[in-house]
N, C-alpha and C. Protein backbone atom coordinates (compact mmCIF):
# COMPACT_ATOMS: atom_id res chain seq x y z
N MET A 1 2.97 16.58 9.58
CA MET A 1 3.93 16.03 8.14
C MET A 1 3.31 16.81 7.23
N SER A 2 4.26 17.16 6.15
CA SER A 2 3.84 17.54 4.76
C SER A 2 4.24 17.03 3.77
N THR A 3 3.74 16.62 2.73
CA THR A 3 4.42 15.78 1.63
C THR A 3 4.83 16.79 0.72
N ILE A 4 4.50 18.22 0.66
CA ILE A 4 4.77 19.00 -0.34
C ILE A 4 5.41 20.12 0.03
N GLY A 5 5.92 20.24 0.99
CA GLY A 5 6.77 21.30 1.63
C GLY A 5 6.07 22.24 2.42
N TYR A 6 4.75 22.37 2.57
CA TYR A 6 4.02 23.50 3.09
C TYR A 6 3.48 23.01 4.66
N GLU A 7 3.95 23.80 5.55
CA GLU A 7 3.69 23.50 7.30
C GLU A 7 2.37 24.33 7.55
N ASN A 8 2.26 25.44 6.84
CA ASN A 8 0.95 26.15 7.27
C ASN A 8 -0.03 26.43 5.79
N TRP A 9 -1.24 25.92 6.18
CA TRP A 9 -2.00 26.10 5.01
C TRP A 9 -2.90 27.36 4.78
N ALA A 10 -2.59 28.48 5.67
CA ALA A 10 -3.15 29.66 5.56
C ALA A 10 -2.40 30.62 4.58
N VAL A 11 -2.63 29.92 3.65
CA VAL A 11 -1.97 30.70 2.08
C VAL A 11 -3.20 30.64 1.01
N ASP A 12 -2.85 31.30 -0.08
CA ASP A 12 -4.24 31.59 -1.00
C ASP A 12 -3.72 30.18 -1.86
N LEU A 13 -4.73 29.30 -2.03
CA LEU A 13 -4.38 28.11 -2.69
C LEU A 13 -4.22 28.29 -4.19
N ALA A 14 -4.46 29.35 -4.87
CA ALA A 14 -4.32 29.72 -6.06
C ALA A 14 -2.84 29.85 -6.45
N ASP A 15 -2.07 30.26 -5.43
CA ASP A 15 -0.75 30.21 -5.77
C ASP A 15 0.22 29.15 -5.39
N VAL A 16 -0.39 28.19 -4.55
CA VAL A 16 0.22 26.88 -4.30
C VAL A 16 0.49 25.89 -5.28
N GLY A 17 -0.53 25.79 -6.27
CA GLY A 17 -0.13 24.69 -7.38
C GLY A 17 -0.48 23.48 -6.97
N ALA A 18 0.14 22.75 -7.49
CA ALA A 18 -0.16 21.20 -7.08
C ALA A 18 -0.33 20.89 -5.39
N ILE A 19 -1.13 20.15 -5.25
CA ILE A 19 -1.20 19.89 -3.81
C ILE A 19 -1.32 18.26 -3.18
N TYR A 20 -0.90 17.35 -4.29
CA TYR A 20 -0.99 16.09 -4.19
C TYR A 20 0.63 15.63 -3.88
N PRO A 21 0.82 14.45 -3.25
CA PRO A 21 1.94 13.70 -3.01
C PRO A 21 2.68 13.26 -4.19
N MET A 22 3.95 13.26 -4.21
CA MET A 22 4.96 12.93 -5.39
C MET A 22 4.59 13.59 -6.48
N GLN A 23 4.58 14.94 -6.56
CA GLN A 23 4.12 15.81 -7.49
C GLN A 23 5.97 16.17 -8.43
N GLY A 24 5.55 15.92 -9.90
CA GLY A 24 6.81 16.05 -10.57
C GLY A 24 7.06 14.64 -11.04
N TRP A 25 6.41 13.67 -10.33
CA TRP A 25 6.77 12.09 -10.81
C TRP A 25 5.87 11.55 -11.99
N GLU A 26 4.96 12.55 -12.30
CA GLU A 26 4.11 11.97 -13.46
C GLU A 26 4.44 11.30 -14.57
N VAL A 27 5.33 11.96 -15.13
CA VAL A 27 5.91 11.23 -16.62
C VAL A 27 6.85 10.12 -16.21
N PRO A 28 7.57 10.11 -15.10
CA PRO A 28 8.30 8.97 -15.02
C PRO A 28 7.40 7.57 -14.43
N MET A 29 6.67 7.94 -13.74
CA MET A 29 5.53 6.85 -13.13
C MET A 29 4.96 6.56 -14.69
N THR A 30 4.21 7.12 -15.52
CA THR A 30 3.49 6.73 -16.55
C THR A 30 4.64 5.89 -17.46
N ILE A 31 5.98 6.20 -17.43
CA ILE A 31 6.69 5.70 -18.22
C ILE A 31 6.82 4.15 -17.88
N ILE A 32 7.55 4.20 -16.40
CA ILE A 32 7.40 2.95 -15.73
C ILE A 32 5.95 2.12 -15.75
N GLY A 33 4.84 2.68 -15.74
CA GLY A 33 3.58 1.74 -15.88
C GLY A 33 3.41 1.43 -17.55
N VAL A 34 3.93 2.20 -18.09
CA VAL A 34 3.66 1.58 -19.86
C VAL A 34 4.79 0.61 -20.12
N LEU A 35 5.99 0.71 -19.36
CA LEU A 35 6.89 -0.34 -19.40
C LEU A 35 6.33 -1.71 -18.82
N PHE A 36 6.05 -1.62 -17.78
CA PHE A 36 5.51 -2.81 -17.04
C PHE A 36 4.35 -3.39 -17.74
N TRP A 37 3.35 -2.54 -18.33
CA TRP A 37 2.35 -3.24 -19.15
C TRP A 37 2.75 -3.97 -20.25
N LEU A 38 3.91 -3.35 -20.83
CA LEU A 38 4.27 -3.99 -22.18
C LEU A 38 4.78 -5.21 -21.63
N GLY A 39 5.81 -5.04 -20.66
CA GLY A 39 6.39 -6.37 -20.38
C GLY A 39 5.37 -7.72 -19.81
N TRP A 40 4.55 -7.22 -19.23
CA TRP A 40 3.37 -8.15 -19.02
C TRP A 40 2.90 -8.76 -20.17
N HIS A 41 2.69 -8.11 -21.23
CA HIS A 41 1.99 -8.54 -22.32
C HIS A 41 3.13 -9.50 -23.02
N VAL A 42 4.49 -9.22 -22.99
CA VAL A 42 5.26 -10.05 -23.31
C VAL A 42 5.56 -11.31 -22.84
N VAL A 43 5.59 -11.45 -21.34
CA VAL A 43 5.68 -12.66 -20.56
C VAL A 43 4.40 -13.38 -20.83
N GLN A 44 3.39 -12.84 -21.02
CA GLN A 44 2.06 -13.40 -21.10
C GLN A 44 1.72 -14.25 -22.46
N PHE A 45 2.36 -13.53 -23.42
CA PHE A 45 2.51 -14.01 -24.97
C PHE A 45 3.58 -15.12 -24.88
N ARG A 46 4.76 -15.19 -24.30
CA ARG A 46 5.61 -16.10 -24.37
C ARG A 46 4.77 -17.64 -23.55
N SER A 47 4.10 -17.16 -22.40
CA SER A 47 3.81 -18.26 -21.72
C SER A 47 2.53 -18.93 -22.65
N GLU A 48 1.74 -18.39 -23.04
CA GLU A 48 0.75 -18.91 -23.91
C GLU A 48 1.29 -19.60 -25.12
N SER A 49 2.10 -19.02 -25.58
CA SER A 49 2.92 -19.64 -26.70
C SER A 49 3.28 -20.84 -26.59
N ARG A 50 3.84 -21.10 -25.31
CA ARG A 50 4.67 -22.34 -24.85
C ARG A 50 3.26 -23.46 -24.35
N GLU A 51 2.22 -22.90 -23.91
CA GLU A 51 1.03 -23.74 -23.71
C GLU A 51 0.47 -23.95 -24.97
N LEU A 52 0.52 -23.28 -25.96
CA LEU A 52 -0.05 -23.82 -27.06
C LEU A 52 0.60 -24.87 -27.78
N ALA A 53 2.11 -24.61 -27.83
CA ALA A 53 3.06 -25.79 -28.48
C ALA A 53 2.76 -27.02 -27.81
N GLU A 54 2.86 -26.96 -26.59
CA GLU A 54 2.60 -28.24 -25.74
C GLU A 54 1.40 -28.83 -26.28
N ALA A 55 0.23 -28.23 -26.19
CA ALA A 55 -1.13 -28.95 -26.58
C ALA A 55 -0.91 -29.31 -28.14
N GLU A 56 -0.37 -28.71 -29.04
CA GLU A 56 -0.21 -29.05 -30.39
C GLU A 56 0.64 -30.40 -30.28
N LYS A 57 1.92 -30.83 -29.58
CA LYS A 57 2.35 -31.79 -29.55
C LYS A 57 1.48 -32.94 -29.34
N ASN A 58 0.50 -32.83 -28.35
CA ASN A 58 -0.15 -33.76 -27.56
C ASN A 58 -1.48 -34.25 -28.44
N ILE A 59 -1.72 -33.38 -29.73
CA ILE A 59 -2.66 -33.35 -30.41
C ILE A 59 -2.93 -35.03 -31.42
N SER A 60 -3.87 -35.46 -31.39
CA SER A 60 -3.96 -36.69 -32.18
C SER A 60 -5.32 -36.66 -32.71
N ALA A 61 -5.37 -37.44 -34.17
CA ALA A 61 -6.81 -37.37 -34.89
C ALA A 61 -8.11 -37.69 -34.23
N GLU A 62 -7.76 -38.88 -33.42
CA GLU A 62 -8.90 -39.35 -32.82
C GLU A 62 -9.42 -38.48 -31.73
N GLY A 63 -8.62 -37.47 -30.93
CA GLY A 63 -8.50 -36.75 -29.81
C GLY A 63 -9.35 -35.48 -30.39
N VAL A 64 -9.22 -35.19 -31.77
CA VAL A 64 -9.94 -33.86 -32.35
C VAL A 64 -11.32 -34.37 -32.79
N LYS A 65 -11.59 -35.84 -33.29
CA LYS A 65 -12.87 -36.02 -33.75
C LYS A 65 -13.72 -36.04 -32.12
N LYS A 66 -13.04 -36.67 -31.38
CA LYS A 66 -13.86 -36.81 -30.07
C LYS A 66 -14.42 -35.24 -29.65
N ALA A 67 -13.56 -34.29 -29.75
CA ALA A 67 -13.68 -32.93 -29.42
C ALA A 67 -14.68 -32.48 -30.32
N ILE A 68 -14.73 -32.74 -31.64
CA ILE A 68 -15.72 -32.25 -32.53
C ILE A 68 -17.01 -32.91 -32.32
N ASP A 69 -17.20 -33.93 -32.03
CA ASP A 69 -18.34 -34.79 -32.09
C ASP A 69 -18.97 -34.21 -30.54
N ARG A 70 -18.02 -33.87 -29.58
CA ARG A 70 -18.81 -33.79 -28.29
C ARG A 70 -19.55 -32.15 -28.43
N TYR A 71 -19.04 -31.21 -29.17
CA TYR A 71 -19.83 -29.97 -29.45
C TYR A 71 -20.61 -30.14 -30.84
């Protein structure tokens, strides 16, 4: 089974070019990877913002004093 279209490797490899699978997909896969990475950061930012807003609602002066005294 060949992933690059060559059934016989008895050729000059200098003339073959790229010999790895999925050749030609470098740019689309890079774009997909960058979009996934940016999307993950957006999801993470929103999740952490909700968590911090929830913690901010539950804060009290007495709790802050205890936290400061503890450290």
